[in-house]
Amino acid sequence: MTAIRDYRSLAYLIILLGSVAAALAAVVPFYTVGYQVDALALAAVLTPFMVYGMFSQSLRDGWLLASGLILLGATLAVVIIERFVQYDGYRDATVYWVPLLTVTIVLPIAYVFGKRPPYT
């Protein structure tokens, strides 16, 4: 009997980790007294994972996992570098456009090559 692999639970874990990365990118220092929420950074980093979640039912398992790992890796790299290593108030704006560019490149490729047949 052939074992059926279902990577949707890992896809949901990727979405959860992406949401944590979005929260880390959005909570920024405010002078020396506390933190504030940067809503634009929250939306820019969280949007690719919401779009990825919409594809979780329509992609085959390998393509779903691979595209999610690429998306998560690119997002974590940008958030760690921009927020923790060299934070300057997001002046170069890479935290805004890199996750969105990654999702617009990766998910259409994954959808074209990894679309599930209907009713499976």
N, C-alpha and C. Protein backbone atom coordinates (compact mmCIF):
# COMPACT_ATOMS: atom_id res chain seq x y z
N MET A 1 0.84 -1.17 0.00
CA MET A 1 0.00 0.00 0.00
C MET A 1 0.90 1.25 0.00
N THR A 2 0.53 2.20 -0.78
CA THR A 2 1.31 3.43 -0.91
C THR A 2 0.90 4.42 0.16
N ALA A 3 1.88 4.96 0.84
CA ALA A 3 1.61 5.97 1.86
C ALA A 3 1.38 7.32 1.19
N ILE A 4 0.37 8.01 1.62
CA ILE A 4 0.06 9.33 1.07
C ILE A 4 0.66 10.38 2.01
N ARG A 5 1.50 11.22 1.44
CA ARG A 5 2.12 12.28 2.24
C ARG A 5 1.27 13.53 2.15
N ASP A 6 1.03 14.12 3.28
CA ASP A 6 0.26 15.35 3.32
C ASP A 6 1.09 16.39 4.07
N TYR A 7 1.57 17.38 3.32
CA TYR A 7 2.44 18.40 3.90
C TYR A 7 1.67 19.65 4.31
N ARG A 8 0.35 19.57 4.34
CA ARG A 8 -0.40 20.77 4.70
C ARG A 8 -0.17 21.19 6.14
N SER A 9 0.07 20.25 7.03
CA SER A 9 0.36 20.65 8.42
C SER A 9 1.69 21.40 8.50
N LEU A 10 2.67 21.01 7.69
CA LEU A 10 3.92 21.77 7.63
C LEU A 10 3.70 23.13 6.98
N ALA A 11 2.79 23.20 6.02
CA ALA A 11 2.47 24.49 5.40
C ALA A 11 1.85 25.43 6.43
N TYR A 12 1.02 24.89 7.29
CA TYR A 12 0.41 25.73 8.33
C TYR A 12 1.45 26.17 9.35
N LEU A 13 2.44 25.33 9.61
CA LEU A 13 3.55 25.72 10.48
C LEU A 13 4.37 26.84 9.84
N ILE A 14 4.57 26.76 8.53
CA ILE A 14 5.28 27.82 7.80
C ILE A 14 4.50 29.13 7.89
N ILE A 15 3.19 29.05 7.78
CA ILE A 15 2.36 30.25 7.90
C ILE A 15 2.47 30.83 9.31
N LEU A 16 2.48 29.97 10.31
CA LEU A 16 2.62 30.44 11.70
C LEU A 16 3.98 31.10 11.92
N LEU A 17 5.05 30.50 11.41
CA LEU A 17 6.38 31.09 11.56
C LEU A 17 6.49 32.40 10.78
N GLY A 18 5.84 32.48 9.64
CA GLY A 18 5.81 33.73 8.89
C GLY A 18 5.06 34.82 9.63
N SER A 19 4.00 34.44 10.34
CA SER A 19 3.26 35.41 11.14
C SER A 19 4.10 35.91 12.31
N VAL A 20 4.90 35.04 12.89
CA VAL A 20 5.81 35.45 13.96
C VAL A 20 6.87 36.40 13.41
N ALA A 21 7.38 36.10 12.22
CA ALA A 21 8.36 37.00 11.58
C ALA A 21 7.74 38.36 11.29
N ALA A 22 6.48 38.37 10.88
CA ALA A 22 5.80 39.64 10.63
C ALA A 22 5.63 40.43 11.92
N ALA A 23 5.32 39.75 13.01
CA ALA A 23 5.19 40.44 14.30
C ALA A 23 6.54 40.99 14.76
N LEU A 24 7.61 40.22 14.54
CA LEU A 24 8.94 40.71 14.92
C LEU A 24 9.35 41.91 14.08
N ALA A 25 8.97 41.91 12.82
CA ALA A 25 9.31 43.05 11.96
C ALA A 25 8.47 44.27 12.30
N ALA A 26 7.26 44.06 12.79
CA ALA A 26 6.35 45.17 13.02
C ALA A 26 6.57 45.89 14.35
N VAL A 27 7.03 45.18 15.35
CA VAL A 27 7.25 45.80 16.66
C VAL A 27 8.66 46.40 16.67
N VAL A 28 8.72 47.71 16.55
CA VAL A 28 10.01 48.40 16.41
C VAL A 28 10.24 49.32 17.60
N PRO A 29 11.50 49.62 17.92
CA PRO A 29 11.79 50.49 19.05
C PRO A 29 11.28 51.91 18.83
N PHE A 30 10.79 52.49 19.89
CA PHE A 30 10.30 53.86 19.85
C PHE A 30 11.10 54.66 20.87
N TYR A 31 12.09 55.39 20.39
CA TYR A 31 13.02 56.13 21.23
C TYR A 31 13.62 55.21 22.27
N THR A 32 13.61 55.57 23.51
CA THR A 32 14.18 54.70 24.55
C THR A 32 13.14 54.22 25.54
N VAL A 33 11.87 54.49 25.28
CA VAL A 33 10.86 54.18 26.28
C VAL A 33 10.01 52.97 25.96
N GLY A 34 10.02 52.48 24.77
CA GLY A 34 9.17 51.35 24.47
C GLY A 34 9.21 50.96 23.01
N TYR A 35 8.12 50.38 22.56
CA TYR A 35 8.01 49.89 21.20
C TYR A 35 6.71 50.39 20.59
N GLN A 36 6.69 50.43 19.27
CA GLN A 36 5.47 50.75 18.55
C GLN A 36 5.28 49.75 17.42
N VAL A 37 4.07 49.65 16.91
CA VAL A 37 3.77 48.71 15.83
C VAL A 37 3.82 49.46 14.51
N ASP A 38 4.67 48.99 13.61
CA ASP A 38 4.76 49.53 12.26
C ASP A 38 3.78 48.74 11.40
N ALA A 39 2.61 49.32 11.16
CA ALA A 39 1.54 48.61 10.46
C ALA A 39 1.91 48.28 9.01
N LEU A 40 2.69 49.13 8.38
CA LEU A 40 3.10 48.87 7.00
C LEU A 40 4.03 47.66 6.93
N ALA A 41 4.95 47.55 7.86
CA ALA A 41 5.83 46.38 7.90
C ALA A 41 5.04 45.11 8.22
N LEU A 42 4.07 45.22 9.11
CA LEU A 42 3.24 44.07 9.44
C LEU A 42 2.48 43.60 8.22
N ALA A 43 1.88 44.51 7.49
CA ALA A 43 1.11 44.14 6.30
C ALA A 43 2.01 43.59 5.19
N ALA A 44 3.18 44.20 5.01
CA ALA A 44 4.06 43.77 3.93
C ALA A 44 4.66 42.39 4.18
N VAL A 45 4.93 42.05 5.42
CA VAL A 45 5.52 40.75 5.72
C VAL A 45 4.46 39.68 5.90
N LEU A 46 3.28 40.05 6.34
CA LEU A 46 2.22 39.07 6.58
C LEU A 46 1.46 38.71 5.31
N THR A 47 1.35 39.61 4.37
CA THR A 47 0.58 39.37 3.14
C THR A 47 1.07 38.16 2.34
N PRO A 48 2.37 37.95 2.14
CA PRO A 48 2.78 36.76 1.39
C PRO A 48 2.35 35.45 2.04
N PHE A 49 2.29 35.40 3.35
CA PHE A 49 1.88 34.17 4.01
C PHE A 49 0.37 33.97 3.95
N MET A 50 -0.38 35.05 3.88
CA MET A 50 -1.82 34.91 3.67
C MET A 50 -2.09 34.39 2.25
N VAL A 51 -1.35 34.89 1.27
CA VAL A 51 -1.50 34.41 -0.10
C VAL A 51 -1.06 32.95 -0.19
N TYR A 52 0.03 32.61 0.47
CA TYR A 52 0.50 31.22 0.50
C TYR A 52 -0.54 30.30 1.13
N GLY A 53 -1.23 30.78 2.14
CA GLY A 53 -2.28 29.98 2.76
C GLY A 53 -3.43 29.70 1.82
N MET A 54 -3.70 30.63 0.90
CA MET A 54 -4.76 30.38 -0.08
C MET A 54 -4.38 29.29 -1.07
N PHE A 55 -3.09 29.06 -1.27
CA PHE A 55 -2.63 28.03 -2.18
C PHE A 55 -2.45 26.67 -1.50
N SER A 56 -2.70 26.57 -0.22
CA SER A 56 -2.39 25.34 0.50
C SER A 56 -3.25 24.16 0.06
N GLN A 57 -4.41 24.39 -0.48
CA GLN A 57 -5.27 23.30 -0.93
C GLN A 57 -5.08 22.97 -2.40
N SER A 58 -4.47 23.86 -3.16
CA SER A 58 -4.41 23.64 -4.61
C SER A 58 -3.05 23.21 -5.12
N LEU A 59 -2.03 23.16 -4.27
CA LEU A 59 -0.70 22.74 -4.71
C LEU A 59 -0.42 21.31 -4.26
N ARG A 60 0.34 20.60 -5.10
CA ARG A 60 0.79 19.27 -4.70
C ARG A 60 1.79 19.40 -3.57
N ASP A 61 1.97 18.32 -2.85
CA ASP A 61 2.70 18.37 -1.58
C ASP A 61 4.13 18.87 -1.70
N GLY A 62 4.89 18.38 -2.65
CA GLY A 62 6.28 18.82 -2.78
C GLY A 62 6.39 20.29 -3.14
N TRP A 63 5.55 20.73 -4.05
CA TRP A 63 5.56 22.13 -4.45
C TRP A 63 5.08 23.03 -3.33
N LEU A 64 4.12 22.57 -2.56
CA LEU A 64 3.62 23.35 -1.42
C LEU A 64 4.72 23.56 -0.39
N LEU A 65 5.43 22.50 -0.06
CA LEU A 65 6.49 22.59 0.94
C LEU A 65 7.66 23.41 0.42
N ALA A 66 8.08 23.17 -0.81
CA ALA A 66 9.24 23.88 -1.36
C ALA A 66 8.98 25.38 -1.48
N SER A 67 7.81 25.75 -1.99
CA SER A 67 7.52 27.17 -2.13
C SER A 67 7.38 27.85 -0.77
N GLY A 68 6.83 27.15 0.21
CA GLY A 68 6.73 27.71 1.55
C GLY A 68 8.08 27.90 2.21
N LEU A 69 8.98 26.95 2.02
CA LEU A 69 10.31 27.08 2.61
C LEU A 69 11.11 28.20 1.95
N ILE A 70 10.96 28.36 0.64
CA ILE A 70 11.63 29.48 -0.03
C ILE A 70 11.09 30.80 0.48
N LEU A 71 9.78 30.89 0.59
CA LEU A 71 9.14 32.12 1.07
C LEU A 71 9.55 32.42 2.51
N LEU A 72 9.54 31.41 3.36
CA LEU A 72 9.93 31.61 4.75
C LEU A 72 11.41 31.96 4.88
N GLY A 73 12.26 31.31 4.10
CA GLY A 73 13.68 31.60 4.16
C GLY A 73 14.01 33.02 3.74
N ALA A 74 13.40 33.47 2.66
CA ALA A 74 13.65 34.84 2.19
C ALA A 74 13.13 35.86 3.21
N THR A 75 11.96 35.60 3.77
CA THR A 75 11.38 36.52 4.74
C THR A 75 12.20 36.57 6.02
N LEU A 76 12.60 35.42 6.53
CA LEU A 76 13.41 35.41 7.75
C LEU A 76 14.75 36.08 7.54
N ALA A 77 15.35 35.88 6.39
CA ALA A 77 16.63 36.53 6.11
C ALA A 77 16.49 38.04 6.12
N VAL A 78 15.45 38.55 5.48
CA VAL A 78 15.25 39.99 5.42
C VAL A 78 14.91 40.55 6.80
N VAL A 79 14.03 39.88 7.53
CA VAL A 79 13.61 40.38 8.84
C VAL A 79 14.79 40.37 9.82
N ILE A 80 15.56 39.30 9.83
CA ILE A 80 16.69 39.24 10.76
C ILE A 80 17.72 40.31 10.44
N ILE A 81 18.05 40.46 9.16
CA ILE A 81 19.05 41.46 8.79
C ILE A 81 18.53 42.88 9.03
N GLU A 82 17.33 43.17 8.56
CA GLU A 82 16.82 44.53 8.63
C GLU A 82 16.37 44.94 10.04
N ARG A 83 15.87 44.01 10.82
CA ARG A 83 15.32 44.38 12.12
C ARG A 83 16.34 44.24 13.24
N PHE A 84 17.15 43.19 13.21
CA PHE A 84 18.03 42.92 14.33
C PHE A 84 19.50 43.25 14.08
N VAL A 85 19.98 43.09 12.87
CA VAL A 85 21.39 43.32 12.60
C VAL A 85 21.67 44.78 12.31
N GLN A 86 20.93 45.37 11.38
CA GLN A 86 21.20 46.76 10.98
C GLN A 86 19.90 47.57 10.91
N TYR A 87 19.22 47.71 12.03
CA TYR A 87 17.97 48.45 12.05
C TYR A 87 18.23 49.95 11.95
N ASP A 88 17.60 50.56 10.97
CA ASP A 88 17.69 52.02 10.80
C ASP A 88 16.33 52.61 10.45
N GLY A 89 15.30 52.02 10.97
CA GLY A 89 13.96 52.53 10.70
C GLY A 89 13.42 52.10 9.35
N TYR A 90 13.95 51.00 8.79
CA TYR A 90 13.55 50.49 7.48
C TYR A 90 13.71 51.54 6.39
N ARG A 91 14.80 52.28 6.41
CA ARG A 91 15.02 53.35 5.43
C ARG A 91 15.25 52.83 4.02
N ASP A 92 15.89 51.67 3.87
CA ASP A 92 16.11 51.15 2.53
C ASP A 92 14.93 50.34 2.00
N ALA A 93 13.93 50.08 2.81
CA ALA A 93 12.63 49.51 2.45
C ALA A 93 12.70 48.08 1.93
N THR A 94 13.77 47.35 2.17
CA THR A 94 13.80 45.97 1.69
C THR A 94 12.83 45.07 2.44
N VAL A 95 12.51 45.40 3.67
CA VAL A 95 11.55 44.59 4.40
C VAL A 95 10.14 44.73 3.80
N TYR A 96 9.91 45.77 3.05
CA TYR A 96 8.61 45.97 2.43
C TYR A 96 8.49 45.26 1.09
N TRP A 97 9.53 45.27 0.27
CA TRP A 97 9.36 44.75 -1.08
C TRP A 97 9.93 43.35 -1.31
N VAL A 98 10.88 42.89 -0.53
CA VAL A 98 11.46 41.56 -0.78
C VAL A 98 10.47 40.43 -0.53
N PRO A 99 9.71 40.40 0.57
CA PRO A 99 8.73 39.32 0.72
C PRO A 99 7.64 39.35 -0.35
N LEU A 100 7.22 40.55 -0.74
CA LEU A 100 6.19 40.64 -1.77
C LEU A 100 6.72 40.21 -3.13
N LEU A 101 7.96 40.56 -3.44
CA LEU A 101 8.57 40.12 -4.69
C LEU A 101 8.77 38.61 -4.69
N THR A 102 9.16 38.06 -3.56
CA THR A 102 9.36 36.62 -3.47
C THR A 102 8.06 35.86 -3.72
N VAL A 103 6.98 36.33 -3.15
CA VAL A 103 5.70 35.62 -3.33
C VAL A 103 5.18 35.78 -4.76
N THR A 104 5.45 36.92 -5.40
CA THR A 104 4.98 37.09 -6.78
C THR A 104 5.81 36.28 -7.77
N ILE A 105 7.00 35.87 -7.40
CA ILE A 105 7.80 35.02 -8.27
C ILE A 105 7.57 33.54 -7.97
N VAL A 106 7.59 33.17 -6.70
CA VAL A 106 7.58 31.76 -6.32
C VAL A 106 6.20 31.12 -6.49
N LEU A 107 5.15 31.75 -6.05
CA LEU A 107 3.85 31.09 -6.07
C LEU A 107 3.27 30.88 -7.48
N PRO A 108 3.42 31.81 -8.42
CA PRO A 108 2.95 31.47 -9.77
C PRO A 108 3.71 30.31 -10.40
N ILE A 109 5.02 30.23 -10.15
CA ILE A 109 5.80 29.10 -10.67
C ILE A 109 5.32 27.80 -10.02
N ALA A 110 5.12 27.82 -8.71
CA ALA A 110 4.65 26.63 -8.01
C ALA A 110 3.25 26.24 -8.47
N TYR A 111 2.41 27.21 -8.77
CA TYR A 111 1.06 26.90 -9.21
C TYR A 111 1.04 26.30 -10.61
N VAL A 112 1.88 26.82 -11.49
CA VAL A 112 1.91 26.30 -12.86
C VAL A 112 2.43 24.86 -12.88
N PHE A 113 3.49 24.60 -12.13
CA PHE A 113 4.09 23.28 -12.17
C PHE A 113 3.53 22.30 -11.14
N GLY A 114 2.92 22.79 -10.09
CA GLY A 114 2.49 21.89 -9.02
C GLY A 114 1.02 21.92 -8.71
N LYS A 115 0.20 22.31 -9.67
CA LYS A 115 -1.26 22.36 -9.43
C LYS A 115 -1.81 20.96 -9.30
N ARG A 116 -2.67 20.75 -8.31
CA ARG A 116 -3.33 19.45 -8.12
C ARG A 116 -4.37 19.26 -9.20
N PRO A 117 -4.56 18.03 -9.62
CA PRO A 117 -5.70 17.79 -10.50
C PRO A 117 -7.00 18.00 -9.74
N PRO A 118 -8.05 18.39 -10.41
CA PRO A 118 -9.31 18.66 -9.69
C PRO A 118 -9.88 17.38 -9.06
N TYR A 119 -10.52 17.58 -7.93
CA TYR A 119 -11.23 16.52 -7.20
C TYR A 119 -10.32 15.41 -6.70
N THR A 120 -9.14 15.79 -6.19
CA THR A 120 -8.28 14.76 -5.59
C THR A 120 -8.03 15.10 -4.14
